[in-house]
């Protein structure tokens, strides 16, 4: 079984668990809005990694269903808030929540899902009746805290710095280490292991060593897909990062390679708010990226990090069980940077 097939075999259980904790009740409209991103259903990669890791370390199928549901619900409400902050147009192939109902209603709906996420974790802690519950909660909290810190750094660049001449590769990597590598890959892997009874030490450290470069490759590929993917497949508006003024390796390399005159124009466009950017502005940025090889530059980084993840996986064979699920982990990591959405 491939990882994508594994995700689909567990999707129904994760989704129905979320619905149980976030049911449609009075006031009905509020809860329908709060459930909208959940009902659209995303890729389910994060809960898939969590469940895969739990079974890889010996848990029974479904034993980590509550943490997996909390993991997916965290993505659902975070995206609601992210879309408001970024003024995004699309999410999962449909208009972003704030475009449908306004930012105030959307933020409140995200809060409702946020509250339900912590209740799921509370019930897990009560249910396991041993140290696993507390360890998992602390890991989940740490992961979420780092994610919010990464979001602050990125948002501060977009709305306050707005200056590509002050950007560095290090700043970009600092953002995605927390927002992508921890939250999207090695955090879910560690949570799954903890749910199977693994305590802090060699095995959790090994999952971080494997998941960090895999997560970096995942986010860099996400940046590339933002430039190249079909909107209907990707589920988000093409060139969204350019409209939103996000820092990526693509635009960083393009800016560094540009002439002084080009740099001045690129920076002037990047300093505009999303709603002030024109199609001509975005076309100019896309042309500069093509001319200076921004996508190729980023792709080379993604390939290096993906190779590093495979090397770490081989290095830590003694810390990771050898079974059917660990074999599936190879396809799971590959699917993070070999994808179309």
Protein backbone atom coordinates (compact mmCIF):
# COMPACT_ATOMS: atom_id res chain seq x y z
CA UNK A 1 0.00 0.00 0.00
CA UNK A 2 1.23 3.49 -0.91
CA UNK A 3 0.99 6.37 1.54
CA UNK A 4 -1.76 8.08 -0.45
CA UNK A 5 -3.82 4.89 -0.26
CA UNK A 6 -3.16 4.69 3.47
CA UNK A 7 -4.44 8.26 3.87
CA UNK A 8 -7.64 7.43 2.03
CA UNK A 9 -8.20 4.31 4.14
CA UNK A 10 -8.10 6.48 7.28
CA UNK A 11 -9.77 9.63 5.95
CA UNK A 12 -13.29 8.62 6.94
CA UNK A 13 -12.36 7.88 10.55
CA UNK A 14 -10.50 11.16 11.00
CA UNK A 15 -13.25 13.21 9.35
CA UNK A 16 -16.10 11.59 11.29
CA UNK A 17 -14.22 12.11 14.57
CA UNK A 18 -13.83 15.83 13.81
CA UNK A 19 -17.53 16.06 12.97
CA UNK A 20 -18.38 14.44 16.29
CA UNK A 21 -16.48 17.15 18.14
CA UNK A 22 -17.68 19.95 15.87
CA UNK A 23 -21.31 19.01 15.16
CA UNK A 24 -23.83 21.19 13.37
CA UNK A 25 -25.97 22.59 16.19
CA UNK A 26 -27.50 25.92 17.18
CA UNK A 27 -26.69 28.54 16.08
CA UNK A 28 -26.69 26.39 12.95
CA UNK A 29 -25.21 28.93 10.54
CA UNK A 30 -22.23 29.53 12.84
CA UNK A 31 -21.37 25.84 13.06
CA UNK A 32 -21.87 25.27 9.34
CA UNK A 33 -19.34 28.03 8.69
CA UNK A 34 -17.00 26.63 11.36
CA UNK A 35 -17.21 23.22 9.67
CA UNK A 36 -16.76 24.47 6.10
CA UNK A 37 -13.00 23.88 5.71
CA UNK A 38 -13.35 20.57 7.53
CA UNK A 39 -16.12 19.53 5.15
CA UNK A 40 -14.05 20.54 2.11
CA UNK A 41 -11.37 18.12 3.36
CA UNK A 42 -7.71 18.75 2.65
CA UNK A 43 -4.90 16.36 1.77
CA UNK A 44 -4.92 14.73 5.26
CA UNK A 45 -1.13 14.30 5.02
CA UNK A 46 -0.51 15.40 8.59
CA UNK A 47 -2.98 13.01 10.29
CA UNK A 48 -1.80 10.35 7.84
CA UNK A 49 1.80 10.74 9.02
CA UNK A 50 0.67 10.67 12.64
CA UNK A 51 -1.33 7.47 12.21
CA UNK A 52 1.40 5.84 10.14
CA UNK A 53 4.02 6.59 12.79
CA UNK A 54 1.81 5.29 15.58
CA UNK A 55 1.34 1.95 13.82
CA UNK A 56 5.01 1.83 12.82
CA UNK A 57 5.90 1.95 16.51
CA UNK A 58 3.39 -0.72 17.48
CA UNK A 59 0.05 0.99 18.11
CA UNK A 60 -3.11 -0.73 16.96
CA UNK A 61 -4.96 0.75 13.96
CA UNK A 62 -7.16 3.60 15.12
CA UNK A 63 -5.48 3.90 18.52
CA UNK A 64 -4.20 7.37 17.62
CA UNK A 65 -7.42 8.52 15.95
CA UNK A 66 -8.08 11.34 18.42
CA UNK A 67 -4.62 12.94 18.03
CA UNK A 68 -4.94 12.52 14.27
CA UNK A 69 -8.30 14.31 14.29
CA UNK A 70 -6.83 17.10 16.43
CA UNK A 71 -3.94 17.37 13.95
CA UNK A 72 -6.30 17.76 10.98
CA UNK A 73 -8.61 20.16 12.80
CA UNK A 74 -5.60 22.32 13.70
CA UNK A 75 -4.89 22.66 9.97
CA UNK A 76 -8.51 23.56 9.26
CA UNK A 77 -8.71 26.44 11.73
CA UNK A 78 -5.18 27.71 11.11
CA UNK A 79 -5.99 28.01 7.41
CA UNK A 80 -9.07 30.07 8.19
CA UNK A 81 -6.92 32.56 10.09
CA UNK A 82 -4.07 32.42 7.56
CA UNK A 83 -6.46 33.21 4.73
CA UNK A 84 -7.71 36.30 6.55
CA UNK A 85 -4.14 37.45 7.28
CA UNK A 86 -3.06 36.86 3.67
CA UNK A 87 -6.38 37.95 2.12
CA UNK A 88 -6.28 34.71 0.11
CA UNK A 89 -8.78 34.15 -2.68
CA UNK A 90 -9.18 30.37 -2.72
CA UNK A 91 -8.91 27.47 -0.31
CA UNK A 92 -9.32 23.85 -1.34
CA UNK A 93 -10.72 24.88 -4.68
CA UNK A 94 -13.44 27.22 -3.38
CA UNK A 95 -13.56 30.85 -2.19
CA UNK A 96 -11.77 31.44 1.10
CA UNK A 97 -14.06 31.65 4.13
CA UNK A 98 -13.60 35.39 4.68
CA UNK A 99 -14.48 36.03 1.03
CA UNK A 100 -17.80 34.30 1.60
CA UNK A 101 -18.75 35.61 5.03
CA UNK A 102 -16.39 38.46 5.89
CA UNK A 103 -13.22 38.37 8.04
CA UNK A 104 -14.99 38.84 11.37
CA UNK A 105 -17.27 35.83 10.88
CA UNK A 106 -14.42 33.75 9.45
CA UNK A 107 -12.12 34.42 12.41
CA UNK A 108 -14.88 33.50 14.84
CA UNK A 109 -15.53 30.28 12.93
CA UNK A 110 -11.83 29.44 13.12
CA UNK A 111 -11.98 30.02 16.87
CA UNK A 112 -14.82 27.49 17.18
CA UNK A 113 -12.71 24.83 15.45
CA UNK A 114 -9.72 25.80 17.59
CA UNK A 115 -11.69 25.21 20.77
CA UNK A 116 -12.87 21.82 19.55
CA UNK A 117 -9.26 20.80 18.80
CA UNK A 118 -8.22 21.23 22.44
CA UNK A 119 -11.26 19.27 23.61
CA UNK A 120 -10.21 16.35 21.41
CA UNK A 121 -6.76 16.39 23.01
CA UNK A 122 -8.27 16.60 26.49
CA UNK A 123 -10.39 13.53 25.85
CA UNK A 124 -7.34 11.67 24.54
CA UNK A 125 -5.39 12.50 27.71
CA UNK A 126 -8.24 11.24 29.88
CA UNK A 127 -8.70 8.11 27.81
CA UNK A 128 -5.15 6.75 27.73
CA UNK A 129 -4.71 7.01 31.53
CA UNK A 130 -0.91 7.02 31.47
CA UNK A 131 2.01 9.33 30.74
CA UNK A 132 1.43 9.22 26.99
CA UNK A 133 -1.41 11.72 27.23
CA UNK A 134 0.66 14.39 28.92
CA UNK A 135 3.68 13.82 26.66
CA UNK A 136 1.52 14.06 23.58
CA UNK A 137 -0.19 17.23 24.82
CA UNK A 138 3.15 18.90 25.58
CA UNK A 139 4.52 17.94 22.16
CA UNK A 140 1.37 19.17 20.44
CA UNK A 141 1.53 22.45 22.35
CA UNK A 142 5.20 22.95 21.50
CA UNK A 143 4.52 22.26 17.83
CA UNK A 144 1.65 24.75 17.73
CA UNK A 145 3.67 27.38 19.60
CA UNK A 146 6.55 27.14 17.10
CA UNK A 147 4.08 27.28 14.21
CA UNK A 148 2.62 30.55 15.48
CA UNK A 149 6.13 31.95 15.94
CA UNK A 150 6.94 31.10 12.32
CA UNK A 151 3.70 32.71 11.23
CA UNK A 152 4.68 35.89 13.08
CA UNK A 153 8.06 36.06 11.36
CA UNK A 154 6.46 35.59 7.95
CA UNK A 155 3.60 38.01 8.57
CA UNK A 156 5.99 40.62 9.96
CA UNK A 157 8.00 40.41 6.74
CA UNK A 158 4.88 40.77 4.58
CA UNK A 159 3.29 43.70 6.42
CA UNK A 160 6.17 45.51 8.13
CA UNK A 161 9.52 44.76 6.51
CA UNK A 162 8.36 44.44 2.89
CA UNK A 163 11.97 44.78 1.76
CA UNK A 164 13.60 42.00 -0.23
CA UNK A 165 16.99 43.67 0.10
CA UNK A 166 16.88 42.72 3.80
CA UNK A 167 15.79 39.14 3.18
CA UNK A 168 18.13 36.17 3.54
CA UNK A 169 17.95 32.45 2.90
CA UNK A 170 18.33 32.05 6.64
CA UNK A 171 15.19 34.10 7.30
CA UNK A 172 13.20 31.99 4.85
CA UNK A 173 14.47 28.73 6.35
CA UNK A 174 13.65 29.97 9.86
CA UNK A 175 10.05 30.54 8.77
CA UNK A 176 9.56 27.16 7.13
CA UNK A 177 11.42 25.13 9.78
CA UNK A 178 8.53 25.81 12.14
CA UNK A 179 5.60 26.36 9.77
CA UNK A 180 6.36 23.38 7.54
CA UNK A 181 9.04 21.03 8.84
CA UNK A 182 7.82 20.81 12.44
CA UNK A 183 4.11 21.27 11.91
CA UNK A 184 3.77 19.32 8.68
CA UNK A 185 6.24 16.46 9.03
CA UNK A 186 8.32 15.65 12.07
CA UNK A 187 5.76 16.93 14.57
CA UNK A 188 3.04 14.55 13.35
CA UNK A 189 5.60 11.72 13.18
CA UNK A 190 6.67 12.36 16.78
CA UNK A 191 3.06 12.63 17.96
CA UNK A 192 2.30 9.26 16.42
CA UNK A 193 5.31 7.68 18.07
CA UNK A 194 4.35 9.16 21.45
CA UNK A 195 0.83 7.75 21.09
CA UNK A 196 2.46 4.32 20.70
CA UNK A 197 4.38 4.74 23.96
CA UNK A 198 7.70 6.16 22.71
CA UNK A 199 9.28 8.58 25.16
CA UNK A 200 11.75 11.43 24.48
CA UNK A 201 15.11 10.10 23.33
CA UNK A 202 16.80 8.47 20.38
CA UNK A 203 13.69 7.50 18.45
CA UNK A 204 11.95 10.87 18.62
CA UNK A 205 15.25 12.56 17.75
CA UNK A 206 15.58 10.30 14.72
CA UNK A 207 12.13 11.31 13.51
CA UNK A 208 13.16 14.95 13.73
CA UNK A 209 16.38 14.27 11.81
CA UNK A 210 14.35 12.61 9.05
CA UNK A 211 11.39 14.96 9.13
CA UNK A 212 13.23 18.27 9.18
CA UNK A 213 14.74 18.07 5.67
CA UNK A 214 11.62 16.31 4.36
CA UNK A 215 9.50 19.18 5.67
CA UNK A 216 11.77 21.80 4.13
CA UNK A 217 11.54 20.02 0.78
CA UNK A 218 7.75 19.88 1.20
CA UNK A 219 7.41 23.64 1.70
CA UNK A 220 9.82 24.56 -1.09
CA UNK A 221 7.82 22.34 -3.42
CA UNK A 222 4.66 24.09 -2.21
CA UNK A 223 6.25 27.40 -3.24
CA UNK A 224 7.07 25.96 -6.67
CA UNK A 225 3.53 24.64 -7.12
CA UNK A 226 2.20 28.10 -6.26
CA UNK A 227 3.96 29.26 -9.44
CA UNK A 228 3.34 26.29 -11.68
CA UNK A 229 0.33 24.19 -10.65
CA UNK A 230 -3.15 24.15 -12.12
CA UNK A 231 -5.42 26.13 -9.77
CA UNK A 232 -8.14 23.47 -9.98
CA UNK A 233 -5.67 20.78 -8.91
CA UNK A 234 -3.72 22.84 -6.38
CA UNK A 235 -6.86 24.35 -4.83
CA UNK A 236 -5.32 27.81 -4.44
CA UNK A 237 -4.95 30.84 -6.69
CA UNK A 238 -1.85 30.71 -8.89
CA UNK A 239 0.88 33.21 -7.94
CA UNK A 240 -0.70 33.57 -4.50
CA UNK A 241 2.72 34.02 -2.88
CA UNK A 242 3.51 36.90 -5.24
CA UNK A 243 0.17 38.59 -4.60
CA UNK A 244 0.63 38.16 -0.83
CA UNK A 245 4.27 39.30 -0.83
CA UNK A 246 5.62 36.16 0.80
CA UNK A 247 9.31 35.45 1.07
CA UNK A 248 10.31 32.35 -0.90
CA UNK A 249 13.58 31.05 -2.26
CA UNK A 250 12.12 31.69 -5.69
CA UNK A 251 11.71 35.44 -5.24
CA UNK A 252 14.85 35.73 -3.08
CA UNK A 253 17.09 34.27 -5.78
CA UNK A 254 15.35 36.29 -8.46
CA UNK A 255 15.90 39.51 -6.54
CA UNK A 256 19.56 38.71 -5.81
CA UNK A 257 20.18 37.96 -9.50
CA UNK A 258 18.36 41.01 -10.86
CA UNK A 259 19.90 44.25 -12.08
CA UNK A 260 19.64 47.35 -9.89
CA UNK A 261 16.75 48.67 -11.98
CA UNK A 262 14.96 45.33 -11.83
CA UNK A 263 15.49 45.12 -8.08
CA UNK A 264 13.93 48.52 -7.60
CA UNK A 265 10.81 47.53 -9.54
CA UNK A 266 10.55 44.09 -7.91
CA UNK A 267 10.77 45.64 -4.45
CA UNK A 268 8.25 48.35 -5.32
CA UNK A 269 5.73 45.72 -6.38
CA UNK A 270 6.43 43.52 -3.35
CA UNK A 271 5.75 46.45 -1.02
CA UNK A 272 2.22 46.86 -2.37
CA UNK A 273 -0.69 45.33 -0.54
CA UNK A 274 -2.32 42.39 -2.28
CA UNK A 275 -5.33 44.37 -3.45
CA UNK A 276 -3.07 47.05 -4.98
CA UNK A 277 -1.07 44.61 -7.13
CA UNK A 278 -2.14 44.47 -10.77
CA UNK A 279 -1.97 41.62 -13.23
CA UNK A 280 0.84 43.51 -14.96
CA UNK A 281 2.75 43.60 -11.67
CA UNK A 282 2.43 39.84 -11.24
CA UNK A 283 3.32 39.21 -14.89
CA UNK A 284 6.48 41.26 -14.42
CA UNK A 285 7.46 39.27 -11.32
CA UNK A 286 6.76 35.97 -13.07
CA UNK A 287 8.86 37.11 -16.04
CA UNK A 288 11.74 38.05 -13.74
CA UNK A 289 11.51 34.66 -12.00
CA UNK A 290 11.68 32.88 -15.35
CA UNK A 291 14.53 35.06 -16.59
CA UNK A 292 16.66 34.56 -13.50
CA UNK A 293 15.88 30.90 -12.87
CA UNK A 294 14.09 31.31 -9.55
CA UNK A 295 12.11 28.09 -9.82
CA UNK A 296 15.15 26.04 -10.84
CA UNK A 297 17.08 27.47 -7.91
CA UNK A 298 14.35 26.49 -5.45
CA UNK A 299 13.94 23.06 -7.01
CA UNK A 300 17.64 22.33 -6.47
CA UNK A 301 17.18 23.13 -2.76
CA UNK A 302 14.15 20.83 -2.56
CA UNK A 303 16.10 17.99 -4.16
CA UNK A 304 18.99 18.42 -1.73
CA UNK A 305 16.67 18.35 1.25
CA UNK A 306 14.76 15.34 -0.07
CA UNK A 307 18.04 13.48 -0.54
CA UNK A 308 19.05 14.46 2.99
CA UNK A 309 15.78 13.04 4.35
CA UNK A 310 16.47 9.72 2.64
CA UNK A 311 20.01 9.71 4.02
CA UNK A 312 18.73 10.39 7.54
CA UNK A 313 16.21 7.60 7.18
CA UNK A 314 19.00 5.19 6.30
CA UNK A 315 21.22 6.52 9.07
CA UNK A 316 18.57 5.98 11.73
CA UNK A 317 17.47 2.48 10.70
CA UNK A 318 18.36 1.25 14.19
CA UNK A 319 15.96 3.74 15.81
CA UNK A 320 13.05 3.15 13.43
CA UNK A 321 11.28 -0.25 13.44
CA UNK A 322 11.57 -2.39 10.33
CA UNK A 323 8.06 -3.35 9.31
CA UNK A 324 5.39 -2.74 6.70
CA UNK A 325 4.65 0.75 8.01
CA UNK A 326 8.29 1.85 7.99
CA UNK A 327 8.48 0.74 4.37
CA UNK A 328 5.44 2.90 3.71
CA UNK A 329 7.22 5.83 5.35
CA UNK A 330 9.57 5.91 2.36
CA UNK A 331 6.64 6.53 -0.01
CA UNK A 332 5.20 9.00 2.50
CA UNK A 333 8.34 11.13 2.45
CA UNK A 334 8.55 10.90 -1.32
CA UNK A 335 4.96 12.07 -1.68
CA UNK A 336 5.81 15.30 0.16
CA UNK A 337 7.95 16.65 -2.67
CA UNK A 338 6.73 14.62 -5.64
CA UNK A 339 3.22 15.99 -5.94
CA UNK A 340 0.93 18.19 -7.98
CA UNK A 341 -1.09 19.64 -5.10
